[in-house]
């Protein structure tokens, strides 16, 4: 079943439409939520809540627009609120989580020797830690722009704020990330 048919069926009250959307969007939504809330269990709750909202509010969705950006805005907005409620620094999980896998694949898909793998693990941990130091609003903007590939205009529409506000959050986040990660870059160039 394609996306348009799934949405149409869901709008008619057919739960099979929601099932198709869950299969299509759950994985990426979960990874995005983990990047924002920094906790796999909390991210699962966020995504579950997002799908419940889709079910409850599907009549508000404009079928002439792509479903993905609309849904991902719901996910990120919920994740941002949950992260703000549970604002705390979290350690990098000991075992691989979906968020860690997303960061790892974003950094590099190339297999390397033990030394390069150790450097990649150090870089991955530093990025994870730096993302955690951003405010939830900045982290949400970064995830939406650079992970979900939403435009600044789409992000602004989803957050009910101006494009300028989104640009400011992205700029501030990039500045902070650059400051925190600069020692790592400078250390690797020696």
C-alpha atoms as a PDB file:
ATOM      1  CA  UNK A   1       0.000   0.000   0.000  1.00  0.00           C
ATOM      2  CA  UNK A   2       1.463   3.381  -0.951  1.00  0.00           C
ATOM      3  CA  UNK A   3       1.485   6.438   1.293  1.00  0.00           C
ATOM      4  CA  UNK A   4      -1.465   8.216  -0.366  1.00  0.00           C
ATOM      5  CA  UNK A   5      -3.649   5.126  -0.085  1.00  0.00           C
ATOM      6  CA  UNK A   6      -2.588   4.590   3.546  1.00  0.00           C
ATOM      7  CA  UNK A   7      -3.533   8.177   4.437  1.00  0.00           C
ATOM      8  CA  UNK A   8      -6.813   7.896   2.564  1.00  0.00           C
ATOM      9  CA  UNK A   9      -7.704   4.666   4.359  1.00  0.00           C
ATOM     10  CA  UNK A  10      -6.774   6.160   7.726  1.00  0.00           C
ATOM     11  CA  UNK A  11      -8.963   9.202   7.033  1.00  0.00           C
ATOM     12  CA  UNK A  12     -11.844   6.758   6.439  1.00  0.00           C
ATOM     13  CA  UNK A  13     -11.137   5.153   9.820  1.00  0.00           C
ATOM     14  CA  UNK A  14      -9.365   2.059   8.478  1.00  0.00           C
ATOM     15  CA  UNK A  15      -6.588   1.201  10.948  1.00  0.00           C
ATOM     16  CA  UNK A  16      -4.689  -0.667   8.206  1.00  0.00           C
ATOM     17  CA  UNK A  17      -3.721   2.760   6.871  1.00  0.00           C
ATOM     18  CA  UNK A  18      -2.005   3.585  10.152  1.00  0.00           C
ATOM     19  CA  UNK A  19      -0.262   0.215  10.154  1.00  0.00           C
ATOM     20  CA  UNK A  20       1.230   0.963   6.722  1.00  0.00           C
ATOM     21  CA  UNK A  21       2.412   4.381   7.879  1.00  0.00           C
ATOM     22  CA  UNK A  22       3.986   2.881  11.000  1.00  0.00           C
ATOM     23  CA  UNK A  23       5.914   0.386   8.859  1.00  0.00           C
ATOM     24  CA  UNK A  24       7.105   3.148   6.545  1.00  0.00           C
ATOM     25  CA  UNK A  25       8.071   5.800   9.104  1.00  0.00           C
ATOM     26  CA  UNK A  26       8.764   4.180  12.471  1.00  0.00           C
ATOM     27  CA  UNK A  27      12.497   3.522  12.060  1.00  0.00           C
ATOM     28  CA  UNK A  28      13.544   6.981  10.936  1.00  0.00           C
ATOM     29  CA  UNK A  29      11.170   8.635  13.425  1.00  0.00           C
ATOM     30  CA  UNK A  30      12.687   6.609  16.258  1.00  0.00           C
ATOM     31  CA  UNK A  31      16.227   7.571  15.261  1.00  0.00           C
ATOM     32  CA  UNK A  32      15.238  11.257  15.071  1.00  0.00           C
ATOM     33  CA  UNK A  33      13.557  11.092  18.484  1.00  0.00           C
ATOM     34  CA  UNK A  34      16.633   9.434  20.028  1.00  0.00           C
ATOM     35  CA  UNK A  35      18.814  12.227  18.674  1.00  0.00           C
ATOM     36  CA  UNK A  36      16.569  14.823  20.333  1.00  0.00           C
ATOM     37  CA  UNK A  37      15.692  13.172  23.669  1.00  0.00           C
ATOM     38  CA  UNK A  38      18.923  11.145  23.985  1.00  0.00           C
ATOM     39  CA  UNK A  39      17.148   8.195  25.572  1.00  0.00           C
ATOM     40  CA  UNK A  40      15.979   5.143  23.612  1.00  0.00           C
ATOM     41  CA  UNK A  41      13.051   4.296  25.907  1.00  0.00           C
ATOM     42  CA  UNK A  42      11.803   7.877  25.956  1.00  0.00           C
ATOM     43  CA  UNK A  43      12.196   8.060  22.165  1.00  0.00           C
ATOM     44  CA  UNK A  44       9.996   4.969  21.765  1.00  0.00           C
ATOM     45  CA  UNK A  45       7.325   6.682  23.875  1.00  0.00           C
ATOM     46  CA  UNK A  46       7.618   9.828  21.755  1.00  0.00           C
ATOM     47  CA  UNK A  47       7.165   7.909  18.497  1.00  0.00           C
ATOM     48  CA  UNK A  48       4.227   5.962  19.889  1.00  0.00           C
ATOM     49  CA  UNK A  49       2.609   9.231  20.968  1.00  0.00           C
ATOM     50  CA  UNK A  50       3.302  10.710  17.529  1.00  0.00           C
ATOM     51  CA  UNK A  51       1.462   7.871  15.797  1.00  0.00           C
ATOM     52  CA  UNK A  52      -1.445   8.279  18.215  1.00  0.00           C
ATOM     53  CA  UNK A  53      -1.563  11.961  17.289  1.00  0.00           C
ATOM     54  CA  UNK A  54      -1.548  11.046  13.615  1.00  0.00           C
ATOM     55  CA  UNK A  55      -4.515   8.760  14.228  1.00  0.00           C
ATOM     56  CA  UNK A  56      -6.361  11.460  16.191  1.00  0.00           C
ATOM     57  CA  UNK A  57      -5.492  14.357  13.867  1.00  0.00           C
ATOM     58  CA  UNK A  58      -5.315  12.798  10.417  1.00  0.00           C
ATOM     59  CA  UNK A  59      -8.259  14.969   9.384  1.00  0.00           C
ATOM     60  CA  UNK A  60      -5.973  18.019   9.867  1.00  0.00           C
ATOM     61  CA  UNK A  61      -3.422  16.659   7.406  1.00  0.00           C
ATOM     62  CA  UNK A  62      -3.493  18.200   3.899  1.00  0.00           C
ATOM     63  CA  UNK A  63      -3.231  15.241   1.521  1.00  0.00           C
ATOM     64  CA  UNK A  64      -1.825  17.477  -1.217  1.00  0.00           C
ATOM     65  CA  UNK A  65       1.408  17.789   0.776  1.00  0.00           C
ATOM     66  CA  UNK A  66       3.967  15.083   1.584  1.00  0.00           C
ATOM     67  CA  UNK A  67       3.147  13.086   4.701  1.00  0.00           C
ATOM     68  CA  UNK A  68       6.760  12.696   5.918  1.00  0.00           C
ATOM     69  CA  UNK A  69       7.532  16.315   6.853  1.00  0.00           C
ATOM     70  CA  UNK A  70       4.151  16.683   8.589  1.00  0.00           C
ATOM     71  CA  UNK A  71       4.721  13.512  10.602  1.00  0.00           C
ATOM     72  CA  UNK A  72       8.365  14.261  11.432  1.00  0.00           C
ATOM     73  CA  UNK A  73       7.374  17.700  12.747  1.00  0.00           C
ATOM     74  CA  UNK A  74       4.994  15.960  15.149  1.00  0.00           C
ATOM     75  CA  UNK A  75       7.778  13.616  16.258  1.00  0.00           C
ATOM     76  CA  UNK A  76      10.361  16.354  16.749  1.00  0.00           C
ATOM     77  CA  UNK A  77       7.945  18.693  18.531  1.00  0.00           C
ATOM     78  CA  UNK A  78       6.955  15.935  20.954  1.00  0.00           C
ATOM     79  CA  UNK A  79      10.610  14.957  21.429  1.00  0.00           C
ATOM     80  CA  UNK A  80      11.621  18.558  22.062  1.00  0.00           C
ATOM     81  CA  UNK A  81       8.926  18.941  24.722  1.00  0.00           C
ATOM     82  CA  UNK A  82       9.903  15.662  26.383  1.00  0.00           C
ATOM     83  CA  UNK A  83      13.589  16.594  26.310  1.00  0.00           C
ATOM     84  CA  UNK A  84      12.802  19.929  27.938  1.00  0.00           C
ATOM     85  CA  UNK A  85      10.767  18.156  30.632  1.00  0.00           C
ATOM     86  CA  UNK A  86      13.577  15.705  31.297  1.00  0.00           C
ATOM     87  CA  UNK A  87      16.473  18.111  30.719  1.00  0.00           C
ATOM     88  CA  UNK A  88      19.528  16.340  32.003  1.00  0.00           C
ATOM     89  CA  UNK A  89      22.817  15.130  30.653  1.00  0.00           C
ATOM     90  CA  UNK A  90      22.753  11.465  29.651  1.00  0.00           C
ATOM     91  CA  UNK A  91      25.770   9.272  29.204  1.00  0.00           C
ATOM     92  CA  UNK A  92      26.366   7.568  25.894  1.00  0.00           C
ATOM     93  CA  UNK A  93      24.584   4.196  26.054  1.00  0.00           C
ATOM     94  CA  UNK A  94      26.863   1.207  26.624  1.00  0.00           C
ATOM     95  CA  UNK A  95      25.115  -0.903  24.029  1.00  0.00           C
ATOM     96  CA  UNK A  96      24.265   0.176  20.513  1.00  0.00           C
ATOM     97  CA  UNK A  97      21.044   2.133  20.245  1.00  0.00           C
ATOM     98  CA  UNK A  98      19.247   3.413  17.181  1.00  0.00           C
ATOM     99  CA  UNK A  99      20.577   6.916  17.857  1.00  0.00           C
ATOM    100  CA  UNK A 100      24.126   5.659  18.047  1.00  0.00           C
ATOM    101  CA  UNK A 101      23.653   3.719  14.800  1.00  0.00           C
ATOM    102  CA  UNK A 102      22.331   6.836  13.096  1.00  0.00           C
ATOM    103  CA  UNK A 103      25.330   8.857  14.230  1.00  0.00           C
ATOM    104  CA  UNK A 104      27.719   6.130  13.209  1.00  0.00           C
ATOM    105  CA  UNK A 105      26.268   5.846   9.724  1.00  0.00           C
ATOM    106  CA  UNK A 106      26.186   9.627   9.381  1.00  0.00           C
ATOM    107  CA  UNK A 107      29.857   9.862  10.252  1.00  0.00           C
ATOM    108  CA  UNK A 108      31.128   7.157   7.947  1.00  0.00           C
ATOM    109  CA  UNK A 109      30.138   3.879   6.396  1.00  0.00           C
ATOM    110  CA  UNK A 110      33.722   2.997   5.529  1.00  0.00           C
ATOM    111  CA  UNK A 111      35.323   0.013   7.252  1.00  0.00           C
ATOM    112  CA  UNK A 112      38.729   0.877   8.651  1.00  0.00           C
ATOM    113  CA  UNK A 113      41.506  -0.572  10.749  1.00  0.00           C
ATOM    114  CA  UNK A 114      41.483  -0.644  14.557  1.00  0.00           C
ATOM    115  CA  UNK A 115      43.136   2.780  14.889  1.00  0.00           C
ATOM    116  CA  UNK A 116      40.649   4.478  12.546  1.00  0.00           C
ATOM    117  CA  UNK A 117      37.755   2.670  14.229  1.00  0.00           C
ATOM    118  CA  UNK A 118      38.913   3.934  17.631  1.00  0.00           C
ATOM    119  CA  UNK A 119      39.124   7.478  16.261  1.00  0.00           C
ATOM    120  CA  UNK A 120      35.611   7.162  14.793  1.00  0.00           C
ATOM    121  CA  UNK A 121      34.278   5.914  18.127  1.00  0.00           C
ATOM    122  CA  UNK A 122      35.898   8.878  19.888  1.00  0.00           C
ATOM    123  CA  UNK A 123      34.440  11.271  17.322  1.00  0.00           C
ATOM    124  CA  UNK A 124      30.991   9.663  17.587  1.00  0.00           C
ATOM    125  CA  UNK A 125      31.070   9.983  21.378  1.00  0.00           C
ATOM    126  CA  UNK A 126      32.205  13.624  21.189  1.00  0.00           C
ATOM    127  CA  UNK A 127      29.408  14.493  18.748  1.00  0.00           C
ATOM    128  CA  UNK A 128      26.837  12.659  20.864  1.00  0.00           C
ATOM    129  CA  UNK A 129      28.003  14.559  23.950  1.00  0.00           C
ATOM    130  CA  UNK A 130      28.029  17.888  22.110  1.00  0.00           C
ATOM    131  CA  UNK A 131      24.489  17.329  20.798  1.00  0.00           C
ATOM    132  CA  UNK A 132      23.402  16.633  24.365  1.00  0.00           C
ATOM    133  CA  UNK A 133      24.768  19.980  25.508  1.00  0.00           C
ATOM    134  CA  UNK A 134      22.567  21.897  23.066  1.00  0.00           C
ATOM    135  CA  UNK A 135      19.215  23.154  24.259  1.00  0.00           C
ATOM    136  CA  UNK A 136      16.287  20.915  23.266  1.00  0.00           C
ATOM    137  CA  UNK A 137      15.112  23.591  20.795  1.00  0.00           C
ATOM    138  CA  UNK A 138      18.543  23.777  19.138  1.00  0.00           C
ATOM    139  CA  UNK A 139      18.887  19.986  19.088  1.00  0.00           C
ATOM    140  CA  UNK A 140      15.429  19.677  17.500  1.00  0.00           C
ATOM    141  CA  UNK A 141      16.349  22.224  14.820  1.00  0.00           C
ATOM    142  CA  UNK A 142      19.612  20.403  14.029  1.00  0.00           C
ATOM    143  CA  UNK A 143      17.882  17.014  13.806  1.00  0.00           C
ATOM    144  CA  UNK A 144      15.107  18.348  11.580  1.00  0.00           C
ATOM    145  CA  UNK A 145      17.486  20.191   9.255  1.00  0.00           C
ATOM    146  CA  UNK A 146      20.442  17.840   9.003  1.00  0.00           C
ATOM    147  CA  UNK A 147      18.962  14.430   9.774  1.00  0.00           C
ATOM    148  CA  UNK A 148      15.404  14.684   8.437  1.00  0.00           C
ATOM    149  CA  UNK A 149      16.434  17.093   5.640  1.00  0.00           C
ATOM    150  CA  UNK A 150      13.534  19.456   6.286  1.00  0.00           C
ATOM    151  CA  UNK A 151      13.866  22.983   4.913  1.00  0.00           C
ATOM    152  CA  UNK A 152      14.043  25.940   7.252  1.00  0.00           C
ATOM    153  CA  UNK A 153      10.566  26.945   6.052  1.00  0.00           C
ATOM    154  CA  UNK A 154       9.167  23.471   6.853  1.00  0.00           C
ATOM    155  CA  UNK A 155      10.787  23.544  10.293  1.00  0.00           C
ATOM    156  CA  UNK A 156       9.359  27.009  10.983  1.00  0.00           C
ATOM    157  CA  UNK A 157       5.870  25.925   9.923  1.00  0.00           C
ATOM    158  CA  UNK A 158       6.025  22.883  12.170  1.00  0.00           C
ATOM    159  CA  UNK A 159       7.242  24.876  15.164  1.00  0.00           C
ATOM    160  CA  UNK A 160       4.890  27.821  14.505  1.00  0.00           C
ATOM    161  CA  UNK A 161       7.781  30.253  14.524  1.00  0.00           C
ATOM    162  CA  UNK A 162       9.516  32.439  11.956  1.00  0.00           C
ATOM    163  CA  UNK A 163      12.150  31.221   9.514  1.00  0.00           C
ATOM    164  CA  UNK A 164      14.467  33.730  11.188  1.00  0.00           C
ATOM    165  CA  UNK A 165      14.019  31.977  14.526  1.00  0.00           C
ATOM    166  CA  UNK A 166      14.894  28.639  12.932  1.00  0.00           C
ATOM    167  CA  UNK A 167      17.951  30.156  11.250  1.00  0.00           C
ATOM    168  CA  UNK A 168      19.037  31.652  14.573  1.00  0.00           C
ATOM    169  CA  UNK A 169      18.653  28.301  16.383  1.00  0.00           C
ATOM    170  CA  UNK A 170      20.662  26.531  13.669  1.00  0.00           C
ATOM    171  CA  UNK A 171      23.328  29.222  13.695  1.00  0.00           C
ATOM    172  CA  UNK A 172      23.622  29.158  17.489  1.00  0.00           C
ATOM    173  CA  UNK A 173      23.763  25.345  17.471  1.00  0.00           C
ATOM    174  CA  UNK A 174      26.478  25.297  14.776  1.00  0.00           C
ATOM    175  CA  UNK A 175      28.503  27.887  16.700  1.00  0.00           C
ATOM    176  CA  UNK A 176      28.263  25.924  19.932  1.00  0.00           C
ATOM    177  CA  UNK A 177      29.044  22.597  18.231  1.00  0.00           C
ATOM    178  CA  UNK A 178      32.051  24.114  16.461  1.00  0.00           C
ATOM    179  CA  UNK A 179      33.366  25.523  19.736  1.00  0.00           C
ATOM    180  CA  UNK A 180      32.958  22.230  21.580  1.00  0.00           C
ATOM    181  CA  UNK A 181      34.307  20.047  18.768  1.00  0.00           C
ATOM    182  CA  UNK A 182      37.164  22.333  17.625  1.00  0.00           C
ATOM    183  CA  UNK A 183      39.703  20.697  19.985  1.00  0.00           C
ATOM    184  CA  UNK A 184      38.903  17.356  18.414  1.00  0.00           C
ATOM    185  CA  UNK A 185      39.434  18.677  14.873  1.00  0.00           C
ATOM    186  CA  UNK A 186      42.638  20.484  15.846  1.00  0.00           C
ATOM    187  CA  UNK A 187      43.954  17.372  17.578  1.00  0.00           C
ATOM    188  CA  UNK A 188      43.386  15.217  14.493  1.00  0.00           C
ATOM    189  CA  UNK A 189      45.273  17.555  12.148  1.00  0.00           C
ATOM    190  CA  UNK A 190      48.565  17.113  13.991  1.00  0.00           C
END
